[in-house]
Amino acid sequence: MQNLMQLHKSCPTCDFAYYREDGFFSGALPINYAMVSLFWLLPVMLIGVLGIISGMLATVLCGIGAVVGPIVLYRYSQCLWLAMYYGIIVDDLDAN
């Protein structure tokens, strides 16, 4: 069983190996940061500034989102990084 912090080692359909060398998935960190910032922190701060919710509630929601968001989006950001990598450098793909 997979949890939120584990990526599958290979594709169950075609057996394509997802794992690359150590440090390969560090490119997923800025993707994860951007997704949390753009899709959670920025909207909550904007709603707080506009006065729709109180400043304290906006601060609490931003704090919770800053901790929970990266954990929830961890696997998705790695998958997106892998897709972007192989979308740009197609020659690294094995010929199946």
Protein backbone atom coordinates (compact mmCIF):
# COMPACT_ATOMS: atom_id res chain seq x y z
CA MET A 1 0.00 0.00 0.00
CA GLN A 2 1.29 3.44 -0.96
CA ASN A 3 1.11 6.40 1.39
CA LEU A 4 1.30 10.13 0.68
CA MET A 5 5.11 10.18 0.84
CA GLN A 6 5.89 7.28 -1.52
CA LEU A 7 6.03 7.25 -5.29
CA HIS A 8 5.47 4.02 -7.18
CA LYS A 9 8.74 2.48 -8.31
CA SER A 10 7.45 1.64 -11.79
CA CYS A 11 4.36 1.81 -13.95
CA PRO A 12 2.05 -1.17 -13.32
CA THR A 13 1.07 -1.29 -17.01
CA CYS A 14 4.32 -0.89 -18.96
CA ASP A 15 6.91 -1.39 -16.16
CA PHE A 16 8.54 2.00 -16.89
CA ALA A 17 10.94 2.77 -14.02
CA TYR A 18 10.12 6.11 -12.36
CA TYR A 19 13.25 6.23 -10.22
CA ARG A 20 16.15 8.31 -11.43
CA GLU A 21 19.44 9.17 -9.70
CA ASP A 22 19.55 10.70 -6.21
CA GLY A 23 18.51 14.34 -6.22
CA PHE A 24 16.50 14.07 -9.43
CA PHE A 25 13.24 14.98 -7.77
CA SER A 26 14.59 18.18 -6.19
CA GLY A 27 13.05 19.93 -9.18
CA ALA A 28 9.67 18.95 -7.76
CA LEU A 29 10.23 21.21 -4.73
CA PRO A 30 9.68 24.52 -6.56
CA ILE A 31 6.66 23.01 -8.32
CA ASN A 32 5.20 22.02 -4.95
CA TYR A 33 5.96 25.46 -3.51
CA ALA A 34 4.35 27.21 -6.49
CA MET A 35 1.20 25.06 -6.33
CA VAL A 36 0.70 25.70 -2.61
CA SER A 37 1.44 29.41 -2.98
CA LEU A 38 -0.73 30.05 -6.02
CA PHE A 39 -3.66 27.77 -5.26
CA TRP A 40 -3.94 28.10 -1.48
CA LEU A 41 -1.93 30.87 0.18
CA LEU A 42 -2.58 33.64 -2.35
CA PRO A 43 -6.38 33.12 -2.52
CA VAL A 44 -6.71 32.89 1.28
CA MET A 45 -4.62 36.05 1.77
CA LEU A 46 -6.66 37.85 -0.87
CA ILE A 47 -9.92 36.83 0.80
CA GLY A 48 -8.51 38.06 4.12
CA VAL A 49 -7.38 41.40 2.67
CA LEU A 50 -10.76 41.94 1.03
CA GLY A 51 -12.40 41.46 4.43
CA ILE A 52 -14.47 38.42 3.50
CA ILE A 53 -12.89 36.54 6.40
CA SER A 54 -11.04 37.93 9.41
CA GLY A 55 -7.30 38.45 9.34
CA MET A 56 -6.81 35.94 12.15
CA LEU A 57 -8.77 33.25 10.32
CA ALA A 58 -6.79 33.95 7.13
CA THR A 59 -3.53 33.64 9.07
CA VAL A 60 -4.60 30.33 10.63
CA LEU A 61 -5.77 28.95 7.27
CA CYS A 62 -2.50 30.01 5.62
CA GLY A 63 -0.52 28.32 8.39
CA ILE A 64 -2.49 25.10 8.09
CA GLY A 65 -2.21 25.20 4.28
CA ALA A 66 1.53 25.84 4.45
CA VAL A 67 1.99 22.67 6.50
CA VAL A 68 -0.64 20.35 5.01
CA GLY A 69 -0.48 21.50 1.37
CA PRO A 70 3.06 20.35 0.57
CA ILE A 71 2.39 16.96 2.15
CA VAL A 72 -0.79 16.41 0.15
CA LEU A 73 0.78 17.62 -3.13
CA TYR A 74 4.11 15.77 -2.68
CA ARG A 75 3.42 12.86 -5.04
CA TYR A 76 1.63 15.05 -7.59
CA SER A 77 4.53 17.49 -7.81
CA GLN A 78 6.95 14.60 -8.37
CA CYS A 79 4.74 13.20 -11.12
CA LEU A 80 4.48 16.63 -12.73
CA TRP A 81 8.27 17.06 -12.56
CA LEU A 82 8.79 13.65 -14.18
CA ALA A 83 6.30 14.50 -16.94
CA MET A 84 7.96 17.87 -17.58
CA TYR A 85 11.41 16.25 -17.70
CA TYR A 86 10.45 13.59 -20.21
CA GLY A 87 8.38 16.10 -22.17
CA ILE A 88 11.49 18.21 -22.71
CA ILE A 89 14.18 15.53 -22.93
CA VAL A 90 12.42 12.86 -24.96
CA ASP A 91 15.69 11.13 -25.89
CA ASP A 92 16.09 9.80 -22.34
CA LEU A 93 13.01 7.61 -22.73
CA ASP A 94 13.60 3.95 -23.41
CA ALA A 95 12.27 2.71 -26.73
CA ASN A 96 9.49 0.27 -25.86
